Amino acid sequence: MLLGSSVLAEISVQGTNATLRWSPAAGPVSGYIVSVSRNGGTMHDEIMVTSNQVTIAGKPGDLVQIAVRAWGYPDGQGPDYGPSSESSEPIRFTGVSSVSAVLAMECQACGTFAIVDTGGSFSVSTVYPTGGSWELVGTEQFVPGRLQALLHERNTGALWIGDVGPNSVTPYASQSDPSFSRFEVARPYDLDGDGAAEIVMHDEASGLVEIWGMVNGALVRRTQWAGPIGWHLFAVSDLDGDAGDLWFDAHNGLVAVARFQNLAFAGSYILAAPSSDATPVDVSDYDGDGMADVLWRDDSGVMTITSRYGNWSQTPQIVPGQPGDQSLVPVGSADFDGRRGSEILLQNLTTGQIGVAWPAGGRQWLMSLGDARWSVVDVY
């Protein structure tokens, strides 16, 4: 009788410890051999356990892959070894107790949104304002020193800002206008570098862009700009360290960057997609060189990073992960571990599980929502 194989079922990482669980193998199993490959195979360990889980210790910055196989005496004679499982995806140890971020999440089916600090400082959940069909756009400081949530009403386009407290989100400012219904609203961003975020609204049909911000406690229109017609505004982020810029998907393998200085248009750049089926999904400084990089995702789920001026301008960087897993999508980017350079926040749309991918390799799961109806819309 031969021993069956196991399948890695769950991996959780806390700082420099990774806990693995796997499905029990068929047959009379005496134990399991866990193979740990560290830092590209330069080091290799084997650990013998009797249960179907183990905790692996590492050092900050370690990158490991793990496989498991059963062993036993299925014929009552010499030990027999089952086939090895497939190796896990790369796992990076951060050296901190957890990767921390403030997540803006919503459950449209529940009529509820939440602001959650994954480090455990606070977790606020509240219902949407009455009278309308609201959506959560993101969190930012529209007034310096105040963490605030931005809501958008889908039908009228009305804007609503609330202060995020330890136990509630309280109204701070709102604005509506008959013209708002034509606009889509981008994630908020500090476009002019004054410490307060602006709200960028874009009408794809006409190309019109409006930028709004807080002035003396009220939301006011700061500027208008005639942008590209028919192009999709997918990100607001800084290109080259001078403030904030607008990023448009031209739907033909090109990305146009509209540079802004002091909320005024100051020129544009064009970037090409790494492949014909790649779609731009986010912009951030993933390699910590001070220059913006573009995150792309193709039809099979493969993610790639390119840049105009940075380290990946010549050779696109493929983000390690699970190619072909179309349920795993990027939902935001931020520097989660304070080591320079942004990481990519991922969400499994089927299970609700959230994880972080390091462009240089590895992934650490943050949390499981336990309810796939919840989606992450922003990370702060």
Protein backbone atom coordinates (compact mmCIF):
# COMPACT_ATOMS: atom_id res chain seq x y z
CA MET A 1 0.00 0.00 0.00
CA LEU A 2 1.42 3.37 -0.98
CA LEU A 3 1.08 6.55 1.04
CA GLY A 4 -0.89 9.39 -0.52
CA SER A 5 0.24 12.96 -1.01
CA SER A 6 -0.70 16.03 1.02
CA VAL A 7 -1.82 19.45 -0.14
CA LEU A 8 -0.77 22.62 1.66
CA ALA A 9 -4.03 24.12 2.88
CA GLU A 10 -3.14 27.21 4.90
CA ILE A 11 -0.11 29.41 5.58
CA SER A 12 -0.11 32.22 8.14
CA VAL A 13 2.85 34.46 8.96
CA GLN A 14 3.46 36.55 12.07
CA GLY A 15 6.78 38.40 12.02
CA THR A 16 9.50 35.73 11.79
CA ASN A 17 7.22 32.70 12.33
CA ALA A 18 5.20 30.89 9.68
CA THR A 19 2.56 28.29 10.60
CA LEU A 20 1.61 25.72 7.95
CA ARG A 21 -1.29 23.29 7.87
CA TRP A 22 -1.89 20.60 5.26
CA SER A 23 -4.39 17.90 4.41
CA PRO A 24 -3.66 14.49 6.01
CA ALA A 25 -2.23 11.93 3.57
CA ALA A 26 -4.04 8.68 2.85
CA GLY A 27 -2.69 5.49 4.42
CA PRO A 28 -1.16 4.57 7.80
CA VAL A 29 0.94 7.70 8.31
CA SER A 30 3.54 7.85 11.07
CA GLY A 31 4.53 11.45 10.45
CA TYR A 32 5.49 14.09 7.93
CA ILE A 33 8.75 15.50 6.60
CA VAL A 34 8.65 19.25 6.02
CA SER A 35 11.25 20.53 3.54
CA VAL A 36 12.19 24.19 3.93
CA SER A 37 14.16 25.92 1.17
CA ARG A 38 15.53 29.31 2.19
CA ASN A 39 16.62 32.27 0.08
CA GLY A 40 16.49 30.68 -3.35
CA GLY A 41 17.73 27.25 -2.25
CA THR A 42 20.99 28.47 -0.72
CA MET A 43 19.92 26.78 2.55
CA HIS A 44 17.76 23.71 3.03
CA ASP A 45 16.23 22.16 6.17
CA GLU A 46 14.07 19.12 6.87
CA ILE A 47 11.79 18.90 9.90
CA MET A 48 9.95 15.76 11.06
CA VAL A 49 6.56 16.15 12.76
CA THR A 50 3.74 13.81 13.71
CA SER A 51 0.80 16.20 13.21
CA ASN A 52 -0.39 17.94 10.04
CA GLN A 53 0.91 21.38 11.02
CA VAL A 54 4.24 22.99 11.91
CA THR A 55 5.63 26.42 12.80
CA ILE A 56 8.80 27.50 10.98
CA ALA A 57 11.10 30.14 12.48
CA GLY A 58 13.12 32.48 10.31
CA LYS A 59 15.10 35.70 10.33
CA PRO A 60 13.92 39.14 9.16
CA GLY A 61 14.14 39.27 5.37
CA ASP A 62 14.24 35.47 4.92
CA LEU A 63 12.44 34.16 1.83
CA VAL A 64 11.33 30.53 2.14
CA GLN A 65 9.40 27.88 0.22
CA ILE A 66 7.98 24.81 1.89
CA ALA A 67 6.86 21.33 0.78
CA VAL A 68 5.64 18.35 2.80
CA ARG A 69 5.46 14.54 2.36
CA ALA A 70 4.18 11.73 4.55
CA TRP A 71 6.13 8.73 5.82
CA GLY A 72 5.08 5.53 7.52
CA TYR A 73 5.04 1.71 7.45
CA PRO A 74 2.13 0.87 5.15
CA ASP A 75 3.31 -2.76 4.71
CA GLY A 76 4.58 -3.24 8.24
CA GLN A 77 8.18 -3.28 7.05
CA GLY A 78 10.72 -0.56 6.15
CA PRO A 79 9.56 3.05 6.05
CA ASP A 80 7.79 4.26 2.94
CA TYR A 81 7.68 7.88 1.77
CA GLY A 82 4.73 9.47 -0.01
CA PRO A 83 5.06 11.93 -2.88
CA SER A 84 5.98 15.49 -1.98
CA SER A 85 3.38 18.24 -2.13
CA GLU A 86 3.88 21.13 -4.52
CA SER A 87 6.11 23.81 -3.04
CA SER A 88 4.37 26.74 -1.41
CA GLU A 89 4.52 30.17 -2.93
CA PRO A 90 7.49 32.23 -1.58
CA ILE A 91 6.97 33.45 1.99
CA ARG A 92 8.84 36.49 3.32
CA PHE A 93 9.53 37.02 7.02
CA THR A 94 9.16 40.68 7.95
CA GLY A 95 10.73 40.78 11.36
CA VAL A 96 7.72 42.60 12.82
CA SER A 97 4.81 41.16 14.77
CA SER A 98 2.46 41.83 11.89
CA VAL A 99 2.19 43.82 8.72
CA SER A 100 0.17 46.88 9.63
CA ALA A 101 -2.18 48.94 7.50
CA VAL A 102 -5.44 50.84 7.72
CA LEU A 103 -7.95 49.20 5.40
CA ALA A 104 -11.08 50.87 4.06
CA MET A 105 -13.64 48.14 3.39
CA GLU A 106 -17.29 47.97 2.42
CA CYS A 107 -20.10 45.46 2.28
CA GLN A 108 -22.61 46.77 -0.23
CA ALA A 109 -25.02 43.92 0.48
CA CYS A 110 -24.94 44.85 4.19
CA GLY A 111 -25.15 48.62 3.70
CA THR A 112 -22.05 48.92 5.90
CA PHE A 113 -18.49 50.18 5.62
CA ALA A 114 -15.53 49.77 7.96
CA ILE A 115 -12.13 51.30 8.68
CA VAL A 116 -9.81 48.68 10.21
CA ASP A 117 -6.27 48.97 11.54
CA THR A 118 -4.76 45.51 11.03
CA GLY A 119 -2.29 46.25 13.83
CA GLY A 120 -5.23 46.18 16.23
CA SER A 121 -5.34 49.88 17.23
CA PHE A 122 -8.96 50.32 16.17
CA SER A 123 -11.77 48.87 14.11
CA VAL A 124 -14.74 51.04 13.17
CA SER A 125 -17.83 49.72 11.39
CA THR A 126 -20.86 51.84 10.59
CA VAL A 127 -23.82 52.06 8.20
CA TYR A 128 -23.95 54.36 5.20
CA PRO A 129 -25.81 57.69 5.45
CA THR A 130 -29.53 57.44 4.80
CA GLY A 131 -31.09 58.60 1.56
CA GLY A 132 -29.09 57.29 -1.37
CA SER A 133 -26.88 54.54 -2.73
CA TRP A 134 -23.48 55.26 -1.19
CA GLU A 135 -20.05 53.77 -1.81
CA LEU A 136 -16.79 54.11 0.10
CA VAL A 137 -14.04 55.76 -1.98
CA GLY A 138 -11.16 55.74 0.50
CA THR A 139 -9.53 57.23 3.58
CA GLU A 140 -7.17 60.21 3.73
CA GLN A 141 -6.44 63.43 5.62
CA PHE A 142 -8.52 66.10 3.90
CA VAL A 143 -7.64 68.23 6.92
CA PRO A 144 -4.06 67.62 8.16
CA GLY A 145 -3.99 65.47 11.28
CA ARG A 146 -7.48 64.01 10.84
CA LEU A 147 -8.06 60.54 9.41
CA GLN A 148 -11.23 60.85 7.33
CA ALA A 149 -13.42 58.66 5.12
CA LEU A 150 -14.76 59.77 1.72
CA LEU A 151 -18.14 58.51 0.50
CA HIS A 152 -19.72 58.99 -2.94
CA GLU A 153 -23.42 58.72 -3.80
CA ARG A 154 -23.74 56.71 -7.01
CA ASN A 155 -26.80 58.43 -8.51
CA THR A 156 -26.34 62.11 -7.67
CA GLY A 157 -22.54 62.05 -7.27
CA ALA A 158 -22.76 63.78 -3.88
CA LEU A 159 -19.62 63.72 -1.70
CA TRP A 160 -19.53 63.07 2.07
CA ILE A 161 -16.51 63.26 4.40
CA GLY A 162 -16.52 61.86 7.92
CA ASP A 163 -13.97 61.89 10.75
CA VAL A 164 -12.79 58.38 11.70
CA GLY A 165 -12.73 57.99 15.47
CA PRO A 166 -11.95 54.99 17.68
CA ASN A 167 -15.60 53.94 17.78
CA SER A 168 -17.44 55.84 15.06
CA VAL A 169 -17.33 57.86 11.85
CA THR A 170 -18.89 61.30 12.37
CA PRO A 171 -19.98 63.72 9.58
CA TYR A 172 -17.50 66.49 8.80
CA ALA A 173 -18.38 67.98 5.40
CA SER A 174 -20.48 67.25 2.33
CA GLN A 175 -21.09 68.71 -1.10
CA SER A 176 -23.49 68.13 -3.97
CA ASP A 177 -24.03 69.67 -7.37
CA PRO A 178 -26.27 68.76 -10.33
CA SER A 179 -23.15 68.17 -12.46
CA PHE A 180 -21.70 65.60 -10.02
CA SER A 181 -23.75 62.71 -11.46
CA ARG A 182 -21.52 62.62 -14.57
CA PHE A 183 -18.29 62.04 -12.65
CA GLU A 184 -16.41 59.05 -11.32
CA VAL A 185 -14.35 59.69 -8.19
CA ALA A 186 -10.73 58.52 -7.82
CA ARG A 187 -9.06 57.55 -4.57
CA PRO A 188 -8.10 60.75 -2.72
CA TYR A 189 -4.51 62.00 -2.91
CA ASP A 190 -2.50 65.06 -1.84
CA LEU A 191 -1.91 66.51 -5.30
CA ASP A 192 -0.22 69.77 -4.30
CA GLY A 193 1.90 68.53 -1.37
CA ASP A 194 0.29 70.75 1.29
CA GLY A 195 -0.54 67.87 3.63
CA ALA A 196 -4.27 67.79 2.76
CA ALA A 197 -5.72 65.37 0.21
CA GLU A 198 -7.70 66.47 -2.81
CA ILE A 199 -10.66 64.74 -4.48
CA VAL A 200 -10.28 64.13 -8.23
CA MET A 201 -13.44 63.60 -10.28
CA HIS A 202 -13.37 62.59 -13.95
CA ASP A 203 -16.02 62.41 -16.69
CA GLU A 204 -14.68 59.82 -19.14
CA ALA A 205 -17.13 60.81 -21.90
CA SER A 206 -16.02 64.45 -22.05
CA GLY A 207 -12.59 64.16 -20.46
CA LEU A 208 -13.42 66.88 -17.91
CA VAL A 209 -11.48 66.69 -14.65
CA GLU A 210 -12.46 68.57 -11.50
CA ILE A 211 -10.29 68.75 -8.38
CA TRP A 212 -11.96 69.52 -5.05
CA GLY A 213 -10.52 70.10 -1.60
CA MET A 214 -11.22 71.46 1.85
CA VAL A 215 -10.95 75.25 2.29
CA ASN A 216 -11.96 76.81 5.62
CA GLY A 217 -14.01 73.77 6.58
CA ALA A 218 -15.93 73.50 3.30
CA LEU A 219 -15.49 71.39 0.16
CA VAL A 220 -14.75 73.69 -2.78
CA ARG A 221 -13.75 73.25 -6.41
CA ARG A 222 -10.01 74.00 -6.68
CA THR A 223 -9.57 73.66 -10.45
CA GLN A 224 -10.90 72.18 -13.71
CA TRP A 225 -8.96 70.63 -16.57
CA ALA A 226 -9.95 69.33 -20.03
CA GLY A 227 -8.48 65.82 -19.94
CA PRO A 228 -8.35 63.03 -22.54
CA ILE A 229 -11.73 61.92 -23.88
CA GLY A 230 -12.62 58.24 -23.54
CA TRP A 231 -9.67 57.37 -21.30
CA HIS A 232 -10.11 55.89 -17.83
CA LEU A 233 -8.56 57.59 -14.79
CA PHE A 234 -7.24 54.59 -12.83
CA ALA A 235 -4.82 56.20 -10.36
CA VAL A 236 -3.73 59.46 -8.76
CA SER A 237 -0.11 59.23 -7.66
CA ASP A 238 3.23 61.01 -7.92
CA LEU A 239 5.40 60.28 -10.96
CA ASP A 240 8.72 61.83 -10.03
CA GLY A 241 8.67 63.21 -6.50
CA ASP A 242 7.24 66.69 -7.14
CA ALA A 243 3.60 66.25 -5.99
CA GLY A 244 0.73 64.26 -7.56
CA ASP A 245 -0.16 63.29 -11.13
CA LEU A 246 -3.14 61.73 -12.92
CA TRP A 247 -2.80 58.32 -14.60
CA PHE A 248 -5.08 57.35 -17.49
CA ASP A 249 -5.61 53.97 -19.18
CA ALA A 250 -5.96 54.54 -22.92
CA HIS A 251 -7.44 51.03 -23.43
CA ASN A 252 -4.92 50.33 -26.22
CA GLY A 253 -1.83 49.18 -24.33
CA LEU A 254 -0.79 52.71 -23.37
CA VAL A 255 -0.88 54.70 -20.16
CA ALA A 256 -0.86 58.51 -20.22
CA VAL A 257 0.49 60.43 -17.23
CA ALA A 258 -0.85 63.97 -16.84
CA ARG A 259 1.68 65.84 -14.68
CA PHE A 260 0.35 68.48 -12.31
CA GLN A 261 2.19 71.19 -10.37
CA ASN A 262 0.29 73.39 -7.92
CA LEU A 263 -2.94 71.85 -9.29
CA ALA A 264 -2.12 73.04 -12.84
CA PHE A 265 -1.43 70.79 -15.85
CA ALA A 266 2.32 70.72 -16.58
CA GLY A 267 2.79 68.18 -19.39
CA SER A 268 2.34 64.48 -20.07
CA TYR A 269 4.18 61.21 -20.62
CA ILE A 270 3.23 57.96 -22.31
CA LEU A 271 4.10 54.46 -21.03
CA ALA A 272 3.58 51.17 -22.89
CA ALA A 273 2.10 47.97 -21.44
CA PRO A 274 4.46 44.99 -20.91
CA SER A 275 2.07 42.73 -22.88
CA SER A 276 -0.93 43.08 -25.15
CA ASP A 277 -3.42 41.85 -22.54
CA ALA A 278 -2.01 43.75 -19.54
CA THR A 279 -4.27 46.26 -17.79
CA PRO A 280 -2.91 48.96 -15.43
CA VAL A 281 -4.34 48.59 -11.93
CA ASP A 282 -2.28 50.79 -9.60
CA VAL A 283 0.69 53.16 -9.31
CA SER A 284 3.19 53.35 -6.44
CA ASP A 285 6.92 53.34 -5.69
CA TYR A 286 7.44 49.58 -5.39
CA ASP A 287 11.24 49.54 -5.40
CA GLY A 288 11.86 52.47 -3.06
CA ASP A 289 13.83 54.57 -5.59
CA GLY A 290 11.58 57.63 -5.30
CA MET A 291 10.02 57.14 -8.73
CA ALA A 292 6.54 55.86 -9.59
CA ASP A 293 6.03 52.36 -10.95
CA VAL A 294 2.96 50.95 -12.71
CA LEU A 295 1.38 47.68 -11.59
CA TRP A 296 -0.19 45.69 -14.45
CA ARG A 297 -2.31 42.53 -14.41
CA ASP A 298 -2.95 40.35 -17.44
CA ASP A 299 -5.89 38.11 -18.30
CA SER A 300 -4.32 35.10 -16.54
CA GLY A 301 -3.71 36.96 -13.27
CA VAL A 302 0.04 37.55 -13.75
CA MET A 303 1.16 40.88 -12.28
CA THR A 304 4.03 42.92 -13.72
CA ILE A 305 5.67 46.20 -12.70
CA THR A 306 7.20 48.76 -15.06
CA SER A 307 8.43 52.34 -14.66
CA ARG A 308 9.49 55.27 -16.80
CA TYR A 309 12.57 56.39 -14.89
CA GLY A 310 13.09 53.76 -12.20
CA ASN A 311 14.86 50.43 -11.93
CA TRP A 312 12.25 48.53 -13.96
CA SER A 313 11.99 50.85 -16.96
CA GLN A 314 13.96 48.47 -19.19
CA THR A 315 13.11 45.03 -17.77
CA PRO A 316 9.57 44.57 -16.38
CA GLN A 317 9.49 42.96 -12.95
CA ILE A 318 7.14 39.99 -12.59
CA VAL A 319 5.53 39.87 -9.15
CA PRO A 320 5.79 36.37 -7.62
CA GLY A 321 2.49 34.78 -6.77
CA GLN A 322 0.05 32.37 -8.30
CA PRO A 323 -0.24 32.95 -12.06
CA GLY A 324 -3.63 31.91 -13.32
CA ASP A 325 -5.43 32.60 -10.04
CA GLN A 326 -7.94 35.11 -11.37
CA SER A 327 -9.74 35.34 -8.02
CA LEU A 328 -6.66 37.00 -6.46
CA VAL A 329 -6.67 40.70 -7.38
CA PRO A 330 -4.63 43.74 -6.27
CA VAL A 331 -6.73 46.21 -4.29
CA GLY A 332 -4.13 48.76 -3.13
CA SER A 333 -0.47 49.56 -2.56
CA ALA A 334 1.40 51.00 0.44
CA ASP A 335 4.61 50.63 2.44
CA PHE A 336 3.30 48.17 5.03
CA ASP A 337 6.57 47.31 6.77
CA GLY A 338 8.41 50.65 6.74
CA ARG A 339 11.36 49.33 4.74
CA ARG A 340 11.05 51.71 1.75
CA GLY A 341 9.10 50.70 -1.28
CA SER A 342 5.43 49.80 -1.51
CA GLU A 343 3.94 46.35 -1.18
CA ILE A 344 0.80 45.16 -2.97
CA LEU A 345 -2.39 44.41 -1.05
CA LEU A 346 -4.22 41.43 -2.56
CA GLN A 347 -7.70 40.08 -1.95
CA ASN A 348 -9.14 36.73 -2.90
CA LEU A 349 -12.60 37.61 -4.19
CA THR A 350 -13.83 34.06 -3.60
CA THR A 351 -12.78 33.67 0.06
CA GLY A 352 -12.31 37.27 1.19
CA GLN A 353 -8.78 36.51 2.38
CA ILE A 354 -6.33 39.42 2.26
CA GLY A 355 -2.58 39.24 1.77
CA VAL A 356 0.48 41.31 0.99
CA ALA A 357 2.83 40.64 -1.92
CA TRP A 358 6.38 41.94 -1.97
CA PRO A 359 7.47 42.80 -5.53
CA ALA A 360 10.88 41.32 -4.70
CA GLY A 361 9.21 38.04 -3.70
CA GLY A 362 7.12 36.52 -0.96
CA ARG A 363 3.66 36.97 0.47
CA GLN A 364 2.32 37.30 3.99
CA TRP A 365 -1.37 36.87 4.72
CA LEU A 366 -2.81 39.61 6.89
CA MET A 367 -6.30 38.50 7.78
CA SER A 368 -9.34 36.60 6.60
CA LEU A 369 -12.56 38.58 6.49
CA GLY A 370 -14.62 35.42 6.75
CA ASP A 371 -17.21 36.98 4.47
CA ALA A 372 -16.53 37.39 0.74
CA ARG A 373 -19.21 40.09 0.56
CA TRP A 374 -16.67 42.51 2.06
CA SER A 375 -14.23 44.15 -0.34
CA VAL A 376 -11.21 46.36 0.27
CA VAL A 377 -11.47 49.67 -1.58
CA ASP A 378 -8.43 51.53 -0.21
CA VAL A 379 -5.39 51.17 2.02
CA TYR A 380 -3.88 53.98 4.05
